[in-house]
Protein backbone atom coordinates (compact mmCIF):
# COMPACT_ATOMS: atom_id res chain seq x y z
CA UNK A 1 -39.60 -1.42 18.04
CA UNK A 2 -37.35 -0.53 14.95
CA UNK A 3 -36.50 2.57 16.57
CA UNK A 4 -35.43 0.88 19.82
CA UNK A 5 -33.38 -1.53 17.99
CA UNK A 6 -31.58 1.32 16.08
CA UNK A 7 -30.56 2.94 19.17
CA UNK A 8 -29.38 -0.35 20.68
CA UNK A 9 -27.06 -0.92 17.67
CA UNK A 10 -25.73 2.68 18.03
CA UNK A 11 -24.96 2.01 21.46
CA UNK A 12 -23.21 -1.17 20.80
CA UNK A 13 -21.04 0.72 18.23
CA UNK A 14 -20.08 3.45 20.67
CA UNK A 15 -19.16 0.88 23.20
CA UNK A 16 -16.70 -0.86 20.88
CA UNK A 17 -14.94 2.46 19.96
CA UNK A 18 -14.53 3.17 23.53
CA UNK A 19 -12.88 -0.01 24.23
CA UNK A 20 -9.90 0.95 21.99
CA UNK A 21 -7.10 3.04 23.20
CA UNK A 22 -8.07 6.54 22.24
CA UNK A 23 -4.34 7.77 21.81
CA UNK A 24 -3.98 5.17 18.97
CA UNK A 25 -7.47 5.88 16.94
CA UNK A 26 -7.58 8.45 13.92
CA UNK A 27 -10.08 8.71 11.36
CA UNK A 28 -9.90 6.39 8.41
CA UNK A 29 -8.14 7.80 5.15
CA UNK A 30 -7.44 6.35 1.85
CA UNK A 31 -3.56 6.70 1.87
CA UNK A 32 -1.92 3.62 0.65
CA UNK A 33 -4.34 2.97 -2.38
CA UNK A 34 -4.60 5.01 -5.74
CA UNK A 35 -4.85 8.79 -4.50
CA UNK A 36 -8.11 9.77 -6.17
CA UNK A 37 -10.20 6.69 -4.92
CA UNK A 38 -10.23 4.17 -1.84
CA UNK A 39 -9.69 1.58 -4.88
CA UNK A 40 -8.60 1.79 -8.47
CA UNK A 41 -11.76 3.45 -10.23
CA UNK A 42 -13.45 1.80 -13.01
CA UNK A 43 -12.38 3.67 -16.23
CA UNK A 44 -13.26 3.37 -19.97
CA UNK A 45 -11.55 0.81 -22.19
CA UNK A 46 -9.76 3.58 -23.80
CA UNK A 47 -8.47 5.10 -20.46
CA UNK A 48 -7.35 1.61 -19.48
CA UNK A 49 -4.91 1.48 -22.47
CA UNK A 50 -3.21 4.60 -21.13
CA UNK A 51 -2.28 2.94 -17.75
CA UNK A 52 0.79 0.96 -18.29
CA UNK A 53 1.19 -2.53 -16.16
CA UNK A 54 4.48 -2.02 -14.35
CA UNK A 55 7.13 -4.60 -13.33
CA UNK A 56 8.43 -4.40 -9.78
CA UNK A 57 11.70 -5.55 -8.65
CA UNK A 58 12.29 -6.02 -4.88
CA UNK A 59 15.93 -5.10 -4.01
CA UNK A 60 16.55 -7.92 -1.32
CA UNK A 61 20.08 -6.82 -0.85
CA UNK A 62 18.78 -3.31 0.36
CA UNK A 63 15.91 -4.54 2.37
CA UNK A 64 15.66 -5.72 6.00
CA UNK A 65 12.82 -8.15 7.09
CA UNK A 66 11.23 -7.47 3.62
CA UNK A 67 11.89 -9.73 0.93
CA UNK A 68 10.75 -11.39 -2.50
CA UNK A 69 9.97 -14.95 -3.33
CA UNK A 70 13.20 -15.34 -5.36
CA UNK A 71 11.55 -15.74 -8.57
CA UNK A 72 12.37 -12.60 -10.34
CA UNK A 73 10.43 -9.39 -11.24
CA UNK A 74 6.70 -8.85 -10.38
CA UNK A 75 5.26 -8.30 -13.72
CA UNK A 76 1.61 -7.36 -13.70
CA UNK A 77 -0.35 -9.43 -16.06
CA UNK A 78 1.64 -12.59 -15.10
CA UNK A 79 0.96 -15.05 -12.49
CA UNK A 80 -2.35 -13.39 -11.41
CA UNK A 81 -0.60 -10.04 -10.71
CA UNK A 82 -2.38 -6.89 -11.36
CA UNK A 83 -1.56 -3.36 -11.01
CA UNK A 84 -0.97 -0.09 -13.08
CA UNK A 85 0.66 3.36 -13.14
CA UNK A 86 -2.35 5.54 -13.44
CA UNK A 87 -2.00 7.99 -16.12
CA UNK A 88 -5.75 7.93 -16.68
CA UNK A 89 -6.72 9.80 -13.35
CA UNK A 90 -3.45 12.04 -13.19
CA UNK A 91 -4.14 15.63 -13.09
CA UNK A 92 -0.69 17.62 -13.41
CA UNK A 93 -2.44 20.78 -12.53
CA UNK A 94 -2.81 20.07 -8.92
CA UNK A 95 -0.66 16.66 -8.74
CA UNK A 96 -3.53 14.47 -8.11
CA UNK A 97 -3.51 10.79 -9.08
CA UNK A 98 -0.62 9.03 -10.96
CA UNK A 99 0.07 6.29 -8.54
CA UNK A 100 1.72 2.90 -9.16
CA UNK A 101 0.20 -0.22 -7.71
CA UNK A 102 1.18 -3.83 -7.25
CA UNK A 103 -1.82 -6.21 -6.48
CA UNK A 104 -1.11 -9.81 -5.43
CA UNK A 105 -4.35 -10.61 -4.15
CA UNK A 106 -5.13 -13.25 -6.84
CA UNK A 107 -4.12 -17.06 -6.78
CA UNK A 108 -1.75 -17.16 -9.76
CA UNK A 109 -2.64 -18.29 -13.22
CA UNK A 110 -3.83 -21.44 -14.86
CA UNK A 111 -2.90 -20.47 -18.57
CA UNK A 112 -0.07 -20.21 -18.62
CA UNK A 113 0.53 -22.08 -15.21
CA UNK A 114 2.12 -20.01 -12.73
CA UNK A 115 1.95 -20.21 -8.90
CA UNK A 116 0.80 -17.21 -6.85
CA UNK A 117 3.79 -14.78 -6.24
CA UNK A 118 4.61 -13.56 -2.73
CA UNK A 119 6.33 -10.73 -0.96
CA UNK A 120 7.23 -11.03 2.78
CA UNK A 121 7.50 -9.02 5.67
CA UNK A 122 8.70 -10.05 9.10
CA UNK A 123 6.92 -8.62 12.26
CA UNK A 124 8.58 -9.65 15.51
CA UNK A 125 9.98 -13.06 13.79
CA UNK A 126 6.58 -13.77 12.38
CA UNK A 127 6.57 -13.96 8.32
CA UNK A 128 3.49 -12.28 6.87
CA UNK A 129 2.53 -11.98 3.29
CA UNK A 130 2.18 -8.35 1.50
CA UNK A 131 -0.52 -8.64 -0.97
CA UNK A 132 -0.92 -4.98 -2.09
CA UNK A 133 1.63 -2.22 -2.39
CA UNK A 134 0.86 1.40 -3.56
CA UNK A 135 3.28 4.19 -3.99
CA UNK A 136 1.54 7.36 -4.52
CA UNK A 137 1.74 10.33 -7.22
CA UNK A 138 4.78 8.67 -8.87
CA UNK A 139 3.88 10.71 -12.09
CA UNK A 140 4.25 14.17 -10.27
CA UNK A 141 8.12 13.78 -10.19
CA UNK A 142 10.28 14.93 -12.87
CA UNK A 143 13.12 12.87 -14.11
CA UNK A 144 16.11 13.09 -11.40
CA UNK A 145 13.54 14.52 -8.81
CA UNK A 146 13.11 12.77 -5.33
CA UNK A 147 10.22 13.06 -3.02
CA UNK A 148 9.72 11.90 0.45
CA UNK A 149 6.14 10.76 1.36
CA UNK A 150 3.82 8.53 3.32
CA UNK A 151 3.69 4.90 2.49
CA UNK A 152 1.96 1.84 3.41
CA UNK A 153 1.48 -1.73 2.58
CA UNK A 154 -1.22 -4.22 3.09
CA UNK A 155 -0.30 -7.20 5.30
CA UNK A 156 -2.17 -10.53 5.69
CA UNK A 157 -2.62 -12.87 8.77
CA UNK A 158 -2.37 -10.34 11.34
CA UNK A 159 -5.69 -9.05 12.82
CA UNK A 160 -3.56 -6.25 14.71
CA UNK A 161 -1.83 -5.19 11.48
CA UNK A 162 -3.75 -5.03 8.24
CA UNK A 163 -1.41 -2.29 7.14
CA UNK A 164 2.32 -1.40 7.72
CA UNK A 165 2.69 2.40 7.42
CA UNK A 166 5.57 4.85 7.16
CA UNK A 167 3.52 7.71 8.15
CA UNK A 168 4.43 10.89 10.11
CA UNK A 169 3.53 11.10 13.77
CA UNK A 170 0.88 13.74 13.09
CA UNK A 171 -1.23 11.39 11.34
CA UNK A 172 -0.67 8.53 13.89
CA UNK A 173 2.53 6.78 12.46
CA UNK A 174 5.96 6.65 14.11
CA UNK A 175 7.62 9.11 11.43
CA UNK A 176 8.94 6.84 9.00
CA UNK A 177 8.60 7.46 5.18
CA UNK A 178 9.45 6.37 1.66
CA UNK A 179 12.03 8.18 -0.63
CA UNK A 180 11.00 8.11 -4.15
CA UNK A 181 13.17 8.92 -7.08
CA UNK A 182 12.20 9.16 -10.84
CA UNK A 183 15.44 7.76 -12.25
CA UNK A 184 14.30 7.92 -15.80
CA UNK A 185 10.91 8.49 -17.78
CA UNK A 186 10.00 4.77 -17.20
CA UNK A 187 11.70 3.80 -13.89
CA UNK A 188 11.19 4.80 -10.17
CA UNK A 189 13.28 3.43 -7.14
CA UNK A 190 12.06 3.62 -3.64
CA UNK A 191 13.24 2.97 -0.39
CA UNK A 192 11.60 3.31 3.10
CA UNK A 193 13.46 5.15 5.86
CA UNK A 194 12.68 5.43 9.67
CA UNK A 195 10.20 3.63 11.90
CA UNK A 196 6.89 1.95 10.69
CA UNK A 197 3.97 1.40 12.54
CA UNK A 198 0.96 -1.13 12.27
CA UNK A 199 -2.68 -0.36 12.16
CA UNK A 200 -5.98 -1.90 11.70
CA UNK A 201 -9.58 -0.76 10.77
CA UNK A 202 -12.19 -0.73 13.44
CA UNK A 203 -15.31 0.30 11.66
CA UNK A 204 -14.27 3.46 9.85
CA UNK A 205 -11.41 4.22 12.05
CA UNK A 206 -7.64 3.44 11.90
CA UNK A 207 -6.38 1.92 15.32
CA UNK A 208 -2.46 2.17 15.49
CA UNK A 209 -0.73 -0.63 17.28
CA UNK A 210 3.00 -1.68 17.24
CA UNK A 211 6.03 0.14 15.92
CA UNK A 212 8.92 -1.52 14.02
CA UNK A 213 12.30 0.07 13.45
CA UNK A 214 13.92 -3.07 11.81
CA UNK A 215 11.94 -3.12 8.55
CA UNK A 216 13.17 -1.52 5.41
CA UNK A 217 11.48 -1.89 1.95
CA UNK A 218 13.46 -1.12 -1.10
CA UNK A 219 12.13 -1.73 -4.65
CA UNK A 220 12.21 -0.44 -8.25
CA UNK A 221 9.23 0.24 -10.34
CA UNK A 222 9.50 0.13 -14.18
CA UNK A 223 6.99 1.31 -16.77
CA UNK A 224 6.58 -1.45 -19.56
C-alpha cells in the first residue's frame, strides 16, 4: 500500500509540472540571495562582527515604478530591518560570497517604536511590496570598478511574481541586468537596465511569466 501511495504522489507531481508552459520553466537556482547559500548562513559570533550592517538609499528620482516610503535611508538594525555585507563568506581567491542584503520581512520594532518600512514596485498598475533585496558579490569590485550582472528582488502579494529578475535570456530572463559601481571603499551605487521578468517557484523549478520594460531601480549601499 505504501509503495502504491508513493507512485501516486510521484504521478501527481509529474502532472503538475506538465501543466506549466515548458518554455517558461528553468531549474531553480539560488540567485538573488547570498551567493554561497540559499539563505544567509549561520556563522560564529566573531564572524558576524565582520559583517557590517549597511544603509540603503533608494534613489527615487532615478527610479521608475520603484520607490521608497519617503522615510529616509533603510538602515539595517532599525525598524525591524536586517541585512549585511557578507565579508565573512567572501573568498577573494575565486570571487565567491561578498553579497549585500536588505531584509524587510520583519514587522518594525517596538523598542524604539518604529513602524515597518516599505519599498514598492508597480507591476501593471498594481503596487507590490519588496521585502528582500540582494546585490551579489559587491566585495569583488575594486574602488572605481563597475560590473554588470544578474539581479532580482522578492515581491509580495502576487502568486505569478514571487521574484522580479533582471536576468539574461539564456537563464530565462528578458535580458535586463544591474550595473554596480564601487564608488569608494564603503559605498556602492547600483541601477537596473533593460527589461525585467517575473517568475515564481513550482516545487523546485522557476516558472517565468510576465516581462516589464517600464521598471528601473536605482539605489546606493553604504557600509556603516
